[in-house]
Amino acid sequence: MLTMIKKENNMKTISFYNIKGGVAKTTSTLAFAQILHNDYGKRVLVFDIDKQANSTKTLGCYDADGLSSADLLVSKKNIVRDVIKHSEYGIDVIPANYNLIKANKDVLYDALRPQQTRFKAQLEEVQNDYDYCIIDHSIEDNMAVVNGLVITDDVLVPIKFDRYGLDGMEYALETIESVKVFNPNIQLKGCFLTMYVRSNLYKQGEISLKDALGLKFLKTTISQTVKVGESTFDKPLLSYAPKCKAADDYKKLVAEYLSLD
C-alpha cells in the first residue's frame, strides 16, 4: 500500500512595503523578480496589489477590465490560476488594475467572510508552483495591503534617501506588527536606501536616518541613476539597462538578502 506524502509549501513571499510613494517599490519588486529568475533559476510570481498597476504594466500584462488581484479579494471561488498571467520575461504575475478601489470597499462591507485572509486562501492553490512570490504594495492603508502582509514572510522597506525618507515609518511598523495576529511569522527583514548618491554629506545623513528609529538597514544601497527612471517607460530595469550601476546594486542586494537566511 502506497503512502501519500504531502509536499511541503516552499514558496517564500517577500513584500516591498512603504506607505511613502516614490521610493522605488516597483523597481525593487521587478529587479528582485528578474534577478531571482535569471541569476538563480527561481520560479517567481509577482503579485501586484497597487491599483496603479505599475508592475503589471511594466511586465506587459495590463488589462483594465481583466481578472486581477481585485477579483482575488472578492471571489468566493478559488480563481488564482485564472488570474495569473505569463510575462515575456519568464516571470508570472497576478496583475492589478483600478478595480482594486471597489474591491477594497466591498471587502469592508462583507463581514460574513474573513476579511484579512482572502489572498492566503487564494494562493494556497499555487504554493508549490513557485519559489518566490514578490508583492508590490500600494502606499494606501487598505484591505489589499493587509491581505498582502498576512501572506508575507519577509518585508523589505525601500527608503528614498532624503530628509523626509522616514516619514510614516512608525505607522508602517505598526501595521506590520498588527498583522501578526494573522501571520505571526512575518519579519521586517530590513530597510535599504534607494536613489543614493555617494558623498560625505549623504554619508552623514545616512547615519542619521539609520539611527532615527533604530531600524535594521541592509548594507547594500541602490545608486541614483537616470536609467531607473528611463526604464519605467519601457521595460524592467534589468532588461532595459542590465549593466547600469543600479542594476549591479540590485544584484548585490539580492545576494545580501539571500545570505540572511
Protein backbone atom coordinates (compact mmCIF):
# COMPACT_ATOMS: atom_id res chain seq x y z
CA MET A 1 0.00 0.00 0.00
CA LEU A 2 1.40 3.36 -1.04
CA THR A 3 1.51 6.18 1.48
CA MET A 4 0.75 9.63 0.10
CA ILE A 5 3.31 12.18 1.20
CA LYS A 6 2.12 15.75 1.19
CA LYS A 7 4.60 18.08 -0.47
CA GLU A 8 5.67 20.99 1.69
CA ASN A 9 4.74 24.50 0.65
CA ASN A 10 8.07 26.09 -0.18
CA MET A 11 7.07 29.41 -1.75
CA LYS A 12 8.58 32.35 0.12
CA THR A 13 6.75 35.65 -0.03
CA ILE A 14 8.60 38.98 0.01
CA SER A 15 6.77 42.29 0.37
CA PHE A 16 8.22 45.59 -0.76
CA TYR A 17 6.32 47.86 1.56
CA ASN A 18 6.39 51.54 2.46
CA ILE A 19 3.49 53.94 2.89
CA LYS A 20 5.57 56.69 1.28
CA GLY A 21 5.46 56.91 -2.51
CA GLY A 22 8.32 57.41 -4.93
CA VAL A 23 10.76 55.17 -3.06
CA ALA A 24 11.27 52.56 -5.83
CA LYS A 25 8.93 49.81 -4.61
CA THR A 26 8.03 48.76 -8.15
CA THR A 27 11.60 48.99 -9.45
CA SER A 28 12.77 46.91 -6.49
CA THR A 29 9.99 44.35 -6.92
CA LEU A 30 10.81 43.76 -10.57
CA ALA A 31 14.58 43.83 -10.04
CA PHE A 32 14.32 41.15 -7.36
CA ALA A 33 11.98 39.10 -9.54
CA GLN A 34 14.27 39.21 -12.56
CA ILE A 35 17.46 38.52 -10.62
CA LEU A 36 15.94 35.59 -8.75
CA HIS A 37 14.67 34.17 -12.05
CA ASN A 38 17.60 34.95 -14.34
CA ASP A 39 20.57 34.55 -11.99
CA TYR A 40 19.27 31.95 -9.53
CA GLY A 41 16.87 29.95 -11.70
CA LYS A 42 13.92 30.52 -9.39
CA ARG A 43 10.25 30.33 -10.30
CA VAL A 44 8.88 33.77 -9.49
CA LEU A 45 5.37 35.18 -9.16
CA VAL A 46 4.94 38.96 -8.96
CA PHE A 47 1.79 39.91 -7.04
CA ASP A 48 0.66 43.45 -7.85
CA ILE A 49 -1.74 44.90 -5.28
CA ASP A 50 -1.36 48.56 -6.21
CA LYS A 51 -4.28 49.96 -8.23
CA GLN A 52 -1.82 51.95 -10.37
CA ALA A 53 -0.54 48.59 -11.62
CA ASN A 54 2.98 49.77 -12.41
CA SER A 55 4.50 46.30 -12.04
CA THR A 56 1.73 44.84 -14.19
CA LYS A 57 2.19 47.44 -16.91
CA THR A 58 5.98 47.13 -16.96
CA LEU A 59 5.67 43.36 -17.41
CA GLY A 60 3.26 43.93 -20.30
CA CYS A 61 0.31 42.22 -18.62
CA TYR A 62 -2.13 45.09 -18.01
CA ASP A 63 -5.83 44.74 -18.78
CA ALA A 64 -8.13 47.41 -17.36
CA ASP A 65 -11.12 45.08 -17.41
CA GLY A 66 -9.41 41.71 -16.97
CA LEU A 67 -9.18 39.46 -13.94
CA SER A 68 -6.82 40.88 -11.35
CA SER A 69 -5.84 40.95 -7.70
CA ALA A 70 -9.14 42.75 -7.12
CA ASP A 71 -11.01 39.59 -8.07
CA LEU A 72 -8.94 37.54 -5.63
CA LEU A 73 -10.23 39.80 -2.84
CA VAL A 74 -13.91 39.37 -3.64
CA SER A 75 -14.33 35.99 -5.32
CA LYS A 76 -15.91 33.21 -3.27
CA LYS A 77 -14.22 30.62 -5.51
CA ASN A 78 -10.53 29.91 -5.91
CA ILE A 79 -9.69 31.61 -9.20
CA VAL A 80 -5.98 32.30 -8.80
CA ARG A 81 -4.95 30.11 -11.76
CA ASP A 82 -7.35 32.06 -13.97
CA VAL A 83 -5.91 35.37 -12.79
CA ILE A 84 -2.18 34.61 -13.23
CA LYS A 85 -0.60 35.85 -16.45
CA HIS A 86 2.71 34.85 -18.04
CA SER A 87 5.04 37.71 -18.96
CA GLU A 88 7.64 37.74 -21.71
CA TYR A 89 10.36 37.90 -19.04
CA GLY A 90 9.77 34.40 -17.70
CA ILE A 91 8.04 35.84 -14.65
CA ASP A 92 4.38 35.21 -13.87
CA VAL A 93 2.20 37.99 -12.49
CA ILE A 94 -1.05 38.46 -10.65
CA PRO A 95 -2.00 41.73 -12.32
CA ALA A 96 -3.62 44.77 -10.79
CA ASN A 97 -5.98 47.41 -12.14
CA TYR A 98 -8.25 50.14 -10.84
CA ASN A 99 -10.91 47.58 -9.88
CA LEU A 100 -8.98 47.36 -6.62
CA ILE A 101 -10.67 50.59 -5.50
CA LYS A 102 -14.10 48.96 -5.46
CA ALA A 103 -12.80 45.60 -4.25
CA ASN A 104 -11.22 47.13 -1.14
CA LYS A 105 -14.55 48.74 -0.27
CA ASP A 106 -16.50 45.56 -0.95
CA VAL A 107 -14.33 43.59 1.47
CA LEU A 108 -15.06 46.07 4.24
CA TYR A 109 -18.80 45.71 3.67
CA ASP A 110 -18.65 41.91 3.58
CA ALA A 111 -18.37 40.90 7.22
CA LEU A 112 -19.76 37.41 6.66
CA ARG A 113 -16.44 36.08 5.35
CA PRO A 114 -12.94 36.55 6.81
CA GLN A 115 -11.58 39.84 5.51
CA GLN A 116 -7.85 39.57 6.20
CA THR A 117 -7.04 36.10 4.82
CA ARG A 118 -8.55 36.15 1.34
CA PHE A 119 -5.24 36.29 -0.54
CA LYS A 120 -3.97 33.49 1.72
CA ALA A 121 -6.88 31.24 0.77
CA GLN A 122 -6.43 32.00 -2.93
CA LEU A 123 -2.65 31.47 -3.09
CA GLU A 124 -2.74 28.11 -1.30
CA GLU A 125 -3.59 26.66 -4.72
CA VAL A 126 -0.22 27.69 -6.21
CA GLN A 127 2.10 27.35 -3.21
CA ASN A 128 4.08 24.60 -4.89
CA ASP A 129 4.24 26.27 -8.31
CA TYR A 130 6.72 29.00 -7.34
CA ASP A 131 9.83 29.51 -5.25
CA TYR A 132 9.11 33.18 -4.60
CA CYS A 133 6.09 35.45 -4.57
CA ILE A 134 7.06 39.12 -4.58
CA ILE A 135 4.41 41.67 -3.65
CA ASP A 136 4.36 45.22 -4.95
CA HIS A 137 2.34 47.10 -2.32
CA SER A 138 0.24 50.21 -2.51
CA ILE A 139 1.07 53.16 -0.26
CA GLU A 140 -2.53 53.12 0.94
CA ASP A 141 -3.91 51.56 4.09
CA ASN A 142 -6.47 49.16 2.65
CA MET A 143 -7.60 45.54 2.76
CA ALA A 144 -5.38 44.50 -0.14
CA VAL A 145 -2.32 45.69 1.77
CA VAL A 146 -3.44 43.90 4.95
CA ASN A 147 -4.13 40.71 2.99
CA GLY A 148 -0.73 41.03 1.32
CA LEU A 149 1.10 41.35 4.63
CA VAL A 150 -0.82 38.39 6.05
CA ILE A 151 0.82 36.11 3.45
CA THR A 152 4.27 37.73 3.75
CA ASP A 153 7.35 36.03 5.14
CA ASP A 154 9.83 38.90 4.78
CA VAL A 155 9.22 42.63 4.50
CA LEU A 156 11.82 44.76 2.74
CA VAL A 157 11.42 48.52 3.02
CA PRO A 158 12.88 50.73 0.29
CA ILE A 159 13.61 54.22 1.60
CA LYS A 160 14.39 57.18 -0.61
CA PHE A 161 17.45 58.97 0.65
CA ASP A 162 16.27 62.45 1.62
CA ARG A 163 15.30 64.37 4.74
CA TYR A 164 11.74 63.01 4.55
CA GLY A 165 12.83 59.41 3.98
CA LEU A 166 11.43 58.09 7.25
CA ASP A 167 8.08 59.89 7.05
CA GLY A 168 5.34 57.46 8.00
CA MET A 169 7.74 54.69 9.05
CA GLU A 170 6.32 54.45 12.56
CA TYR A 171 2.86 53.87 11.12
CA ALA A 172 4.20 51.30 8.66
CA LEU A 173 5.90 49.44 11.50
CA GLU A 174 2.64 49.46 13.48
CA THR A 175 0.81 47.97 10.51
CA ILE A 176 3.36 45.17 10.18
CA GLU A 177 3.08 44.49 13.90
CA SER A 178 -0.72 44.45 13.79
CA VAL A 179 -0.94 41.68 11.17
CA LYS A 180 0.99 39.29 13.42
CA VAL A 181 -2.39 38.28 14.82
CA PHE A 182 -2.98 36.57 11.46
CA ASN A 183 0.64 35.97 10.46
CA PRO A 184 2.97 35.52 13.44
CA ASN A 185 5.87 34.60 11.16
CA ILE A 186 6.12 37.91 9.30
CA GLN A 187 9.54 39.56 9.67
CA LEU A 188 10.83 43.01 8.89
CA LYS A 189 13.96 41.73 7.18
CA GLY A 190 15.44 45.16 6.69
CA CYS A 191 15.36 48.58 5.07
CA PHE A 192 17.55 49.69 2.20
CA LEU A 193 18.34 53.09 0.73
CA THR A 194 17.39 53.92 -2.85
CA MET A 195 18.36 56.79 -5.18
CA TYR A 196 21.60 57.03 -3.25
CA VAL A 197 24.46 59.38 -4.14
CA ARG A 198 27.83 58.63 -2.55
CA SER A 199 29.20 61.76 -0.91
CA ASN A 200 30.28 62.94 2.55
CA LEU A 201 27.01 64.82 3.00
CA TYR A 202 24.93 61.77 2.11
CA LYS A 203 27.06 59.58 4.39
CA GLN A 204 26.33 61.84 7.35
CA GLY A 205 22.64 61.84 6.51
CA GLU A 206 22.66 58.06 6.13
CA ILE A 207 23.91 57.66 9.70
CA SER A 208 21.16 59.99 10.95
CA LEU A 209 18.48 58.04 9.08
CA LYS A 210 19.64 54.71 10.42
CA ASP A 211 19.73 56.00 13.99
CA ALA A 212 16.33 57.71 13.82
CA LEU A 213 14.12 54.69 14.59
CA GLY A 214 16.70 52.07 15.34
CA LEU A 215 15.77 50.23 12.14
CA LYS A 216 17.74 47.40 10.66
CA PHE A 217 19.33 48.52 7.38
CA LEU A 218 20.86 46.27 4.78
CA LYS A 219 24.41 47.17 3.80
CA THR A 220 23.67 47.49 0.09
CA THR A 221 22.38 50.82 -1.23
CA ILE A 222 20.81 51.44 -4.64
CA SER A 223 22.56 54.16 -6.60
CA GLN A 224 20.72 57.05 -8.18
CA THR A 225 20.86 56.70 -11.95
CA VAL A 226 18.86 58.08 -14.85
CA LYS A 227 18.43 54.54 -16.20
CA VAL A 228 16.00 53.69 -13.41
CA GLY A 229 13.64 56.49 -14.44
CA GLU A 230 14.01 55.71 -18.12
CA SER A 231 13.18 52.04 -17.58
CA THR A 232 9.71 52.87 -16.25
CA PHE A 233 8.71 53.95 -19.76
CA ASP A 234 9.89 50.77 -21.43
CA LYS A 235 10.70 47.57 -19.54
CA PRO A 236 12.09 46.31 -16.21
CA LEU A 237 15.45 47.79 -15.24
CA LEU A 238 17.36 44.51 -15.58
CA SER A 239 16.17 44.22 -19.19
CA TYR A 240 16.45 47.91 -20.05
CA ALA A 241 19.91 48.61 -18.60
CA PRO A 242 21.39 45.39 -17.19
CA LYS A 243 24.88 46.89 -16.86
CA CYS A 244 23.98 50.15 -15.13
CA LYS A 245 25.14 50.82 -11.57
CA ALA A 246 21.67 50.43 -10.06
CA ALA A 247 21.22 47.03 -11.73
CA ASP A 248 24.53 45.91 -10.25
CA ASP A 249 23.46 47.24 -6.85
CA TYR A 250 20.25 45.22 -7.00
CA LYS A 251 22.23 42.06 -7.74
CA LYS A 252 24.29 42.74 -4.63
CA LEU A 253 21.12 43.44 -2.64
CA VAL A 254 19.55 40.12 -3.65
CA ALA A 255 22.76 38.31 -2.72
CA GLU A 256 22.80 40.07 0.66
CA TYR A 257 19.14 39.22 1.26
CA LEU A 258 19.68 35.56 0.43
CA SER A 259 22.66 35.43 2.79
CA LEU A 260 20.40 36.44 5.70
CA ASP A 261 18.57 33.10 5.68
